[in-house]
Amino acid sequence: MPFMIETWDKPNRQELRQQTRAEHLAYLDVHAAKLLACGAKLNDDGSDAGGGIYIVDVDTRAEAERFIAADPFSQVGLFREVRITRWRKAYLAGECCL
């Protein structure tokens, strides 16, 4: 069962996010098989909103927790909040999964 992980950055951490971005993207690349979708949250003007959304295909909440805890953004203390919610695939890539 997939899980949605939503993160919010601590205030005034844009520089830390940018410094850690390459390591974070490398981590995502290594774990690409688990990712149904992920990306940064943006403001309406396209600027960084300070957080992200990951939809990971793992079997348990514990696996989702381990996944986000091992993310370099977590490792450097970027996040002020992380929410993990079980998610049902209804439509994915334009196809019905029900």
PDB file of N, CA and C in Angstrom:
ATOM      1  N   MET A   1       0.852  -1.179   0.000  1.00  0.00           N
ATOM      2  CA  MET A   1       0.000   0.000   0.000  1.00  0.00           C
ATOM      3  C   MET A   1       0.890   1.231   0.000  1.00  0.00           C
ATOM      4  N   PRO A   2       0.715   2.119  -0.936  1.00  0.00           N
ATOM      5  CA  PRO A   2       1.532   3.332  -0.981  1.00  0.00           C
ATOM      6  C   PRO A   2       1.239   4.284   0.187  1.00  0.00           C
ATOM      7  N   PHE A   3       2.215   5.136   0.443  1.00  0.00           N
ATOM      8  CA  PHE A   3       2.095   6.167   1.460  1.00  0.00           C
ATOM      9  C   PHE A   3       2.488   7.500   0.861  1.00  0.00           C
ATOM     10  N   MET A   4       1.757   8.540   1.245  1.00  0.00           N
ATOM     11  CA  MET A   4       2.111   9.902   0.883  1.00  0.00           C
ATOM     12  C   MET A   4       2.872  10.500   2.060  1.00  0.00           C
ATOM     13  N   ILE A   5       4.015  11.074   1.766  1.00  0.00           N
ATOM     14  CA  ILE A   5       4.811  11.745   2.785  1.00  0.00           C
ATOM     15  C   ILE A   5       4.853  13.220   2.404  1.00  0.00           C
ATOM     16  N   GLU A   6       4.374  14.073   3.300  1.00  0.00           N
ATOM     17  CA  GLU A   6       4.424  15.515   3.061  1.00  0.00           C
ATOM     18  C   GLU A   6       5.350  16.141   4.090  1.00  0.00           C
ATOM     19  N   THR A   7       6.235  17.013   3.620  1.00  0.00           N
ATOM     20  CA  THR A   7       7.204  17.652   4.503  1.00  0.00           C
ATOM     21  C   THR A   7       7.069  19.164   4.442  1.00  0.00           C
ATOM     22  N   TRP A   8       7.421  19.800   5.544  1.00  0.00           N
ATOM     23  CA  TRP A   8       7.489  21.249   5.656  1.00  0.00           C
ATOM     24  C   TRP A   8       8.869  21.593   6.209  1.00  0.00           C
ATOM     25  N   ASP A   9       9.549  22.530   5.560  1.00  0.00           N
ATOM     26  CA  ASP A   9      10.870  22.945   6.017  1.00  0.00           C
ATOM     27  C   ASP A   9      10.763  23.858   7.236  1.00  0.00           C
ATOM     28  N   LYS A  10      11.822  23.867   8.026  1.00  0.00           N
ATOM     29  CA  LYS A  10      11.961  24.864   9.081  1.00  0.00           C
ATOM     30  C   LYS A  10      12.110  26.226   8.411  1.00  0.00           C
ATOM     31  N   PRO A  11      11.715  27.296   9.085  1.00  0.00           N
ATOM     32  CA  PRO A  11      11.831  28.631   8.484  1.00  0.00           C
ATOM     33  C   PRO A  11      13.280  28.999   8.165  1.00  0.00           C
ATOM     34  N   ASN A  12      13.442  29.768   7.126  1.00  0.00           N
ATOM     35  CA  ASN A  12      14.745  30.318   6.739  1.00  0.00           C
ATOM     36  C   ASN A  12      15.802  29.242   6.499  1.00  0.00           C
ATOM     37  N   ARG A  13      15.410  28.155   5.849  1.00  0.00           N
ATOM     38  CA  ARG A  13      16.349  27.063   5.578  1.00  0.00           C
ATOM     39  C   ARG A  13      16.577  26.839   4.078  1.00  0.00           C
ATOM     40  N   GLN A  14      16.235  27.826   3.248  1.00  0.00           N
ATOM     41  CA  GLN A  14      16.394  27.673   1.803  1.00  0.00           C
ATOM     42  C   GLN A  14      17.860  27.391   1.435  1.00  0.00           C
ATOM     43  N   GLU A  15      18.796  28.040   2.095  1.00  0.00           N
ATOM     44  CA  GLU A  15      20.218  27.806   1.793  1.00  0.00           C
ATOM     45  C   GLU A  15      20.614  26.368   2.116  1.00  0.00           C
ATOM     46  N   LEU A  16      20.154  25.843   3.247  1.00  0.00           N
ATOM     47  CA  LEU A  16      20.433  24.447   3.606  1.00  0.00           C
ATOM     48  C   LEU A  16      19.817  23.503   2.585  1.00  0.00           C
ATOM     49  N   ARG A  17      18.596  23.799   2.140  1.00  0.00           N
ATOM     50  CA  ARG A  17      17.942  22.969   1.116  1.00  0.00           C
ATOM     51  C   ARG A  17      18.803  22.939  -0.143  1.00  0.00           C
ATOM     52  N   GLN A  18      19.275  24.085  -0.583  1.00  0.00           N
ATOM     53  CA  GLN A  18      20.085  24.148  -1.804  1.00  0.00           C
ATOM     54  C   GLN A  18      21.428  23.440  -1.630  1.00  0.00           C
ATOM     55  N   GLN A  19      22.039  23.563  -0.466  1.00  0.00           N
ATOM     56  CA  GLN A  19      23.323  22.908  -0.198  1.00  0.00           C
ATOM     57  C   GLN A  19      23.206  21.390  -0.200  1.00  0.00           C
ATOM     58  N   THR A  20      22.052  20.882   0.169  1.00  0.00           N
ATOM     59  CA  THR A  20      21.843  19.436   0.318  1.00  0.00           C
ATOM     60  C   THR A  20      21.134  18.832  -0.891  1.00  0.00           C
ATOM     61  N   ARG A  21      20.714  19.651  -1.822  1.00  0.00           N
ATOM     62  CA  ARG A  21      19.866  19.200  -2.931  1.00  0.00           C
ATOM     63  C   ARG A  21      20.498  18.080  -3.759  1.00  0.00           C
ATOM     64  N   ALA A  22      21.767  18.195  -4.130  1.00  0.00           N
ATOM     65  CA  ALA A  22      22.409  17.163  -4.965  1.00  0.00           C
ATOM     66  C   ALA A  22      22.424  15.813  -4.249  1.00  0.00           C
ATOM     67  N   GLU A  23      22.729  15.825  -2.971  1.00  0.00           N
ATOM     68  CA  GLU A  23      22.745  14.583  -2.186  1.00  0.00           C
ATOM     69  C   GLU A  23      21.324  14.003  -2.076  1.00  0.00           C
ATOM     70  N   HIS A  24      20.343  14.873  -1.880  1.00  0.00           N
ATOM     71  CA  HIS A  24      18.943  14.458  -1.821  1.00  0.00           C
ATOM     72  C   HIS A  24      18.512  13.813  -3.144  1.00  0.00           C
ATOM     73  N   LEU A  25      18.842  14.446  -4.272  1.00  0.00           N
ATOM     74  CA  LEU A  25      18.466  13.893  -5.581  1.00  0.00           C
ATOM     75  C   LEU A  25      19.164  12.564  -5.847  1.00  0.00           C
ATOM     76  N   ALA A  26      20.403  12.419  -5.411  1.00  0.00           N
ATOM     77  CA  ALA A  26      21.110  11.141  -5.554  1.00  0.00           C
ATOM     78  C   ALA A  26      20.414  10.054  -4.741  1.00  0.00           C
ATOM     79  N   TYR A  27      19.955  10.396  -3.541  1.00  0.00           N
ATOM     80  CA  TYR A  27      19.210   9.450  -2.705  1.00  0.00           C
ATOM     81  C   TYR A  27      17.927   9.008  -3.412  1.00  0.00           C
ATOM     82  N   LEU A  28      17.207   9.978  -3.985  1.00  0.00           N
ATOM     83  CA  LEU A  28      15.975   9.635  -4.702  1.00  0.00           C
ATOM     84  C   LEU A  28      16.267   8.741  -5.900  1.00  0.00           C
ATOM     85  N   ASP A  29      17.353   9.011  -6.591  1.00  0.00           N
ATOM     86  CA  ASP A  29      17.726   8.195  -7.745  1.00  0.00           C
ATOM     87  C   ASP A  29      17.982   6.748  -7.343  1.00  0.00           C
ATOM     88  N   VAL A  30      18.662   6.548  -6.228  1.00  0.00           N
ATOM     89  CA  VAL A  30      18.941   5.191  -5.731  1.00  0.00           C
ATOM     90  C   VAL A  30      17.639   4.455  -5.394  1.00  0.00           C
ATOM     91  N   HIS A  31      16.644   5.201  -4.925  1.00  0.00           N
ATOM     92  CA  HIS A  31      15.385   4.603  -4.484  1.00  0.00           C
ATOM     93  C   HIS A  31      14.238   4.850  -5.468  1.00  0.00           C
ATOM     94  N   ALA A  32      14.567   5.126  -6.709  1.00  0.00           N
ATOM     95  CA  ALA A  32      13.553   5.465  -7.719  1.00  0.00           C
ATOM     96  C   ALA A  32      12.479   4.389  -7.866  1.00  0.00           C
ATOM     97  N   ALA A  33      12.826   3.133  -7.675  1.00  0.00           N
ATOM     98  CA  ALA A  33      11.841   2.054  -7.827  1.00  0.00           C
ATOM     99  C   ALA A  33      10.699   2.160  -6.812  1.00  0.00           C
ATOM    100  N   LYS A  34      10.936   2.826  -5.681  1.00  0.00           N
ATOM    101  CA  LYS A  34       9.902   2.998  -4.657  1.00  0.00           C
ATOM    102  C   LYS A  34       9.042   4.230  -4.891  1.00  0.00           C
ATOM    103  N   LEU A  35       9.483   5.120  -5.768  1.00  0.00           N
ATOM    104  CA  LEU A  35       8.809   6.405  -5.941  1.00  0.00           C
ATOM    105  C   LEU A  35       7.728   6.336  -7.018  1.00  0.00           C
ATOM    106  N   LEU A  36       6.495   6.553  -6.623  1.00  0.00           N
ATOM    107  CA  LEU A  36       5.422   6.711  -7.593  1.00  0.00           C
ATOM    108  C   LEU A  36       5.407   8.153  -8.088  1.00  0.00           C
ATOM    109  N   ALA A  37       5.746   9.071  -7.194  1.00  0.00           N
ATOM    110  CA  ALA A  37       5.842  10.492  -7.527  1.00  0.00           C
ATOM    111  C   ALA A  37       6.561  11.193  -6.387  1.00  0.00           C
ATOM    112  N   CYS A  38       7.197  12.297  -6.689  1.00  0.00           N
ATOM    113  CA  CYS A  38       7.746  13.156  -5.645  1.00  0.00           C
ATOM    114  C   CYS A  38       8.152  14.485  -6.258  1.00  0.00           C
ATOM    115  N   GLY A  39       8.245  15.483  -5.416  1.00  0.00           N
ATOM    116  CA  GLY A  39       8.684  16.784  -5.870  1.00  0.00           C
ATOM    117  C   GLY A  39       8.484  17.839  -4.810  1.00  0.00           C
ATOM    118  N   ALA A  40       9.109  18.988  -5.052  1.00  0.00           N
ATOM    119  CA  ALA A  40       9.014  20.119  -4.141  1.00  0.00           C
ATOM    120  C   ALA A  40       7.665  20.804  -4.269  1.00  0.00           C
ATOM    121  N   LYS A  41       7.190  21.341  -3.175  1.00  0.00           N
ATOM    122  CA  LYS A  41       5.995  22.180  -3.201  1.00  0.00           C
ATOM    123  C   LYS A  41       6.440  23.574  -3.628  1.00  0.00           C
ATOM    124  N   LEU A  42       5.629  24.202  -4.471  1.00  0.00           N
ATOM    125  CA  LEU A  42       5.968  25.519  -5.006  1.00  0.00           C
ATOM    126  C   LEU A  42       4.885  26.528  -4.692  1.00  0.00           C
ATOM    127  N   ASN A  43       5.301  27.777  -4.584  1.00  0.00           N
ATOM    128  CA  ASN A  43       4.359  28.894  -4.498  1.00  0.00           C
ATOM    129  C   ASN A  43       3.781  29.138  -5.888  1.00  0.00           C
ATOM    130  N   ASP A  44       2.710  29.903  -5.976  1.00  0.00           N
ATOM    131  CA  ASP A  44       2.065  30.181  -7.260  1.00  0.00           C
ATOM    132  C   ASP A  44       3.011  30.827  -8.265  1.00  0.00           C
ATOM    133  N   ASP A  45       3.999  31.575  -7.788  1.00  0.00           N
ATOM    134  CA  ASP A  45       4.955  32.222  -8.697  1.00  0.00           C
ATOM    135  C   ASP A  45       6.096  31.293  -9.113  1.00  0.00           C
ATOM    136  N   GLY A  46       6.052  30.032  -8.661  1.00  0.00           N
ATOM    137  CA  GLY A  46       7.074  29.059  -9.030  1.00  0.00           C
ATOM    138  C   GLY A  46       8.250  28.982  -8.076  1.00  0.00           C
ATOM    139  N   SER A  47       8.282  29.848  -7.074  1.00  0.00           N
ATOM    140  CA  SER A  47       9.372  29.808  -6.105  1.00  0.00           C
ATOM    141  C   SER A  47       9.149  28.663  -5.112  1.00  0.00           C
ATOM    142  N   ASP A  48      10.216  28.252  -4.468  1.00  0.00           N
ATOM    143  CA  ASP A  48      10.186  27.129  -3.532  1.00  0.00           C
ATOM    144  C   ASP A  48       9.319  27.466  -2.326  1.00  0.00           C
ATOM    145  N   ALA A  49       8.392  26.583  -1.989  1.00  0.00           N
ATOM    146  CA  ALA A  49       7.489  26.793  -0.858  1.00  0.00           C
ATOM    147  C   ALA A  49       8.010  26.158   0.427  1.00  0.00           C
ATOM    148  N   GLY A  50       9.185  25.517   0.364  1.00  0.00           N
ATOM    149  CA  GLY A  50       9.777  24.975   1.581  1.00  0.00           C
ATOM    150  C   GLY A  50       9.184  23.671   2.048  1.00  0.00           C
ATOM    151  N   GLY A  51       9.209  22.679   1.209  1.00  0.00           N
ATOM    152  CA  GLY A  51       8.723  21.359   1.580  1.00  0.00           C
ATOM    153  C   GLY A  51       8.508  20.518   0.347  1.00  0.00           C
ATOM    154  N   GLY A  52       8.054  19.304   0.544  1.00  0.00           N
ATOM    155  CA  GLY A  52       7.855  18.420  -0.590  1.00  0.00           C
ATOM    156  C   GLY A  52       6.797  17.381  -0.336  1.00  0.00           C
ATOM    157  N   ILE A  53       6.502  16.642  -1.399  1.00  0.00           N
ATOM    158  CA  ILE A  53       5.563  15.526  -1.337  1.00  0.00           C
ATOM    159  C   ILE A  53       6.225  14.328  -2.013  1.00  0.00           C
ATOM    160  N   TYR A  54       6.154  13.211  -1.356  1.00  0.00           N
ATOM    161  CA  TYR A  54       6.655  11.945  -1.881  1.00  0.00           C
ATOM    162  C   TYR A  54       5.489  10.964  -1.831  1.00  0.00           C
ATOM    163  N   ILE A  55       5.299  10.200  -2.867  1.00  0.00           N
ATOM    164  CA  ILE A  55       4.372   9.070  -2.807  1.00  0.00           C
ATOM    165  C   ILE A  55       5.227   7.832  -3.044  1.00  0.00           C
ATOM    166  N   VAL A  56       5.366   7.037  -1.993  1.00  0.00           N
ATOM    167  CA  VAL A  56       6.278   5.894  -2.019  1.00  0.00           C
ATOM    168  C   VAL A  56       5.497   4.597  -1.998  1.00  0.00           C
ATOM    169  N   ASP A  57       5.959   3.640  -2.770  1.00  0.00           N
ATOM    170  CA  ASP A  57       5.327   2.331  -2.851  1.00  0.00           C
ATOM    171  C   ASP A  57       6.082   1.373  -1.934  1.00  0.00           C
ATOM    172  N   VAL A  58       5.645   1.350  -0.677  1.00  0.00           N
ATOM    173  CA  VAL A  58       6.226   0.466   0.335  1.00  0.00           C
ATOM    174  C   VAL A  58       5.081  -0.255   1.036  1.00  0.00           C
ATOM    175  N   ASP A  59       5.405  -1.307   1.761  1.00  0.00           N
ATOM    176  CA  ASP A  59       4.360  -2.133   2.363  1.00  0.00           C
ATOM    177  C   ASP A  59       3.843  -1.637   3.708  1.00  0.00           C
ATOM    178  N   THR A  60       4.683  -0.919   4.455  1.00  0.00           N
ATOM    179  CA  THR A  60       4.294  -0.543   5.810  1.00  0.00           C
ATOM    180  C   THR A  60       4.648   0.912   6.112  1.00  0.00           C
ATOM    181  N   ARG A  61       3.963   1.450   7.108  1.00  0.00           N
ATOM    182  CA  ARG A  61       4.280   2.798   7.590  1.00  0.00           C
ATOM    183  C   ARG A  61       5.733   2.855   8.077  1.00  0.00           C
ATOM    184  N   ALA A  62       6.181   1.796   8.731  1.00  0.00           N
ATOM    185  CA  ALA A  62       7.562   1.775   9.224  1.00  0.00           C
ATOM    186  C   ALA A  62       8.564   1.940   8.075  1.00  0.00           C
ATOM    187  N   GLU A  63       8.290   1.314   6.937  1.00  0.00           N
ATOM    188  CA  GLU A  63       9.165   1.482   5.768  1.00  0.00           C
ATOM    189  C   GLU A  63       9.134   2.923   5.262  1.00  0.00           C
ATOM    190  N   ALA A  64       7.963   3.534   5.254  1.00  0.00           N
ATOM    191  CA  ALA A  64       7.854   4.939   4.839  1.00  0.00           C
ATOM    192  C   ALA A  64       8.619   5.836   5.809  1.00  0.00           C
ATOM    193  N   GLU A  65       8.514   5.551   7.093  1.00  0.00           N
ATOM    194  CA  GLU A  65       9.251   6.325   8.101  1.00  0.00           C
ATOM    195  C   GLU A  65      10.760   6.182   7.910  1.00  0.00           C
ATOM    196  N   ARG A  66      11.212   4.966   7.642  1.00  0.00           N
ATOM    197  CA  ARG A  66      12.652   4.755   7.408  1.00  0.00           C
ATOM    198  C   ARG A  66      13.111   5.464   6.144  1.00  0.00           C
ATOM    199  N   PHE A  67      12.268   5.432   5.109  1.00  0.00           N
ATOM    200  CA  PHE A  67      12.609   6.086   3.846  1.00  0.00           C
ATOM    201  C   PHE A  67      12.848   7.580   4.057  1.00  0.00           C
ATOM    202  N   ILE A  68      11.921   8.263   4.716  1.00  0.00           N
ATOM    203  CA  ILE A  68      12.073   9.710   4.882  1.00  0.00           C
ATOM    204  C   ILE A  68      13.162  10.040   5.900  1.00  0.00           C
ATOM    205  N   ALA A  69      13.344   9.206   6.893  1.00  0.00           N
ATOM    206  CA  ALA A  69      14.404   9.449   7.882  1.00  0.00           C
ATOM    207  C   ALA A  69      15.791   9.362   7.261  1.00  0.00           C
ATOM    208  N   ALA A  70      15.946   8.529   6.234  1.00  0.00           N
ATOM    209  CA  ALA A  70      17.246   8.356   5.584  1.00  0.00           C
ATOM    210  C   ALA A  70      17.510   9.403   4.495  1.00  0.00           C
ATOM    211  N   ASP A  71      16.493  10.164   4.122  1.00  0.00           N
ATOM    212  CA  ASP A  71      16.660  11.213   3.116  1.00  0.00           C
ATOM    213  C   ASP A  71      17.658  12.244   3.640  1.00  0.00           C
ATOM    214  N   PRO A  72      18.615  12.659   2.822  1.00  0.00           N
ATOM    215  CA  PRO A  72      19.583  13.663   3.270  1.00  0.00           C
ATOM    216  C   PRO A  72      18.943  14.941   3.817  1.00  0.00           C
ATOM    217  N   PHE A  73      17.796  15.342   3.297  1.00  0.00           N
ATOM    218  CA  PHE A  73      17.111  16.504   3.855  1.00  0.00           C
ATOM    219  C   PHE A  73      16.745  16.262   5.323  1.00  0.00           C
ATOM    220  N   SER A  74      16.297  15.042   5.654  1.00  0.00           N
ATOM    221  CA  SER A  74      16.010  14.707   7.054  1.00  0.00           C
ATOM    222  C   SER A  74      17.291  14.671   7.869  1.00  0.00           C
ATOM    223  N   GLN A  75      18.320  14.095   7.291  1.00  0.00           N
ATOM    224  CA  GLN A  75      19.583  13.919   7.997  1.00  0.00           C
ATOM    225  C   GLN A  75      20.206  15.245   8.442  1.00  0.00           C
ATOM    226  N   VAL A  76      19.998  16.313   7.664  1.00  0.00           N
ATOM    227  CA  VAL A  76      20.558  17.617   8.035  1.00  0.00           C
ATOM    228  C   VAL A  76      19.582  18.459   8.853  1.00  0.00           C
ATOM    229  N   GLY A  77      18.429  17.904   9.199  1.00  0.00           N
ATOM    230  CA  GLY A  77      17.467  18.616  10.037  1.00  0.00           C
ATOM    231  C   GLY A  77      16.679  19.697   9.320  1.00  0.00           C
ATOM    232  N   LEU A  78      16.427  19.516   8.021  1.00  0.00           N
ATOM    233  CA  LEU A  78      15.713  20.515   7.241  1.00  0.00           C
ATOM    234  C   LEU A  78      14.244  20.626   7.631  1.00  0.00           C
ATOM    235  N   PHE A  79      13.615  19.510   7.962  1.00  0.00           N
ATOM    236  CA  PHE A  79      12.164  19.486   8.135  1.00  0.00           C
ATOM    237  C   PHE A  79      11.729  19.899   9.539  1.00  0.00           C
ATOM    238  N   ARG A  80      10.678  20.744   9.594  1.00  0.00           N
ATOM    239  CA  ARG A  80      10.033  21.059  10.872  1.00  0.00           C
ATOM    240  C   ARG A  80       8.878  20.115  11.129  1.00  0.00           C
ATOM    241  N   GLU A  81       8.326  19.543  10.030  1.00  0.00           N
ATOM    242  CA  GLU A  81       7.197  18.631  10.170  1.00  0.00           C
ATOM    243  C   GLU A  81       7.196  17.632   9.018  1.00  0.00           C
ATOM    244  N   VAL A  82       6.836  16.402   9.344  1.00  0.00           N
ATOM    245  CA  VAL A  82       6.669  15.338   8.352  1.00  0.00           C
ATOM    246  C   VAL A  82       5.361  14.628   8.684  1.00  0.00           C
ATOM    247  N   ARG A  83       4.495  14.486   7.681  1.00  0.00           N
ATOM    248  CA  ARG A  83       3.245  13.731   7.848  1.00  0.00           C
ATOM    249  C   ARG A  83       3.249  12.573   6.871  1.00  0.00           C
ATOM    250  N   ILE A  84       2.910  11.415   7.370  1.00  0.00           N
ATOM    251  CA  ILE A  84       2.839  10.206   6.551  1.00  0.00           C
ATOM    252  C   ILE A  84       1.395   9.714   6.578  1.00  0.00           C
ATOM    253  N   THR A  85       0.828   9.551   5.378  1.00  0.00           N
ATOM    254  CA  THR A  85      -0.567   9.138   5.246  1.00  0.00           C
ATOM    255  C   THR A  85      -0.656   7.983   4.266  1.00  0.00           C
ATOM    256  N   ARG A  86      -1.346   6.941   4.661  1.00  0.00           N
ATOM    257  CA  ARG A  86      -1.587   5.836   3.741  1.00  0.00           C
ATOM    258  C   ARG A  86      -2.410   6.352   2.564  1.00  0.00           C
ATOM    259  N   TRP A  87      -2.094   5.866   1.361  1.00  0.00           N
ATOM    260  CA  TRP A  87      -2.680   6.419   0.146  1.00  0.00           C
ATOM    261  C   TRP A  87      -3.165   5.298  -0.762  1.00  0.00           C
ATOM    262  N   ARG A  88      -4.336   5.476  -1.365  1.00  0.00           N
ATOM    263  CA  ARG A  88      -4.874   4.496  -2.301  1.00  0.00           C
ATOM    264  C   ARG A  88      -4.667   5.002  -3.722  1.00  0.00           C
ATOM    265  N   LYS A  89      -4.095   4.160  -4.562  1.00  0.00           N
ATOM    266  CA  LYS A  89      -3.959   4.501  -5.974  1.00  0.00           C
ATOM    267  C   LYS A  89      -5.320   4.349  -6.631  1.00  0.00           C
ATOM    268  N   ALA A  90      -5.917   5.448  -7.030  1.00  0.00           N
ATOM    269  CA  ALA A  90      -7.154   5.400  -7.797  1.00  0.00           C
ATOM    270  C   ALA A  90      -6.803   5.552  -9.271  1.00  0.00           C
ATOM    271  N   TYR A  91      -6.069   6.600  -9.576  1.00  0.00           N
ATOM    272  CA  TYR A  91      -5.549   6.823 -10.927  1.00  0.00           C
ATOM    273  C   TYR A  91      -4.080   7.136 -10.810  1.00  0.00           C
ATOM    274  N   LEU A  92      -3.300   6.549 -11.690  1.00  0.00           N
ATOM    275  CA  LEU A  92      -1.864   6.796 -11.708  1.00  0.00           C
ATOM    276  C   LEU A  92      -1.434   6.794 -13.177  1.00  0.00           C
ATOM    277  N   ALA A  93      -0.762   7.862 -13.579  1.00  0.00           N
ATOM    278  CA  ALA A  93      -0.304   8.009 -14.965  1.00  0.00           C
ATOM    279  C   ALA A  93      -1.464   7.846 -15.962  1.00  0.00           C
ATOM    280  N   GLY A  94      -2.626   8.383 -15.579  1.00  0.00           N
ATOM    281  CA  GLY A  94      -3.779   8.354 -16.456  1.00  0.00           C
ATOM    282  C   GLY A  94      -4.520   7.040 -16.541  1.00  0.00           C
ATOM    283  N   GLU A  95      -4.149   6.082 -15.700  1.00  0.00           N
ATOM    284  CA  GLU A  95      -4.806   4.767 -15.705  1.00  0.00           C
ATOM    285  C   GLU A  95      -5.499   4.511 -14.379  1.00  0.00           C
ATOM    286  N   CYS A  96      -6.665   3.890 -14.471  1.00  0.00           N
ATOM    287  CA  CYS A  96      -7.416   3.503 -13.281  1.00  0.00           C
ATOM    288  C   CYS A  96      -6.726   2.290 -12.631  1.00  0.00           C
ATOM    289  N   CYS A  97      -6.494   2.386 -11.334  1.00  0.00           N
ATOM    290  CA  CYS A  97      -5.849   1.303 -10.596  1.00  0.00           C
ATOM    291  C   CYS A  97      -6.814   0.594  -9.650  1.00  0.00           C
ATOM    292  N   LEU A  98      -8.077   0.931  -9.724  1.00  0.00           N
ATOM    293  CA  LEU A  98      -9.056   0.336  -8.820  1.00  0.00           C
ATOM    294  C   LEU A  98      -9.539  -1.011  -9.306  1.00  0.00           C
TER     295      LEU A  98
END
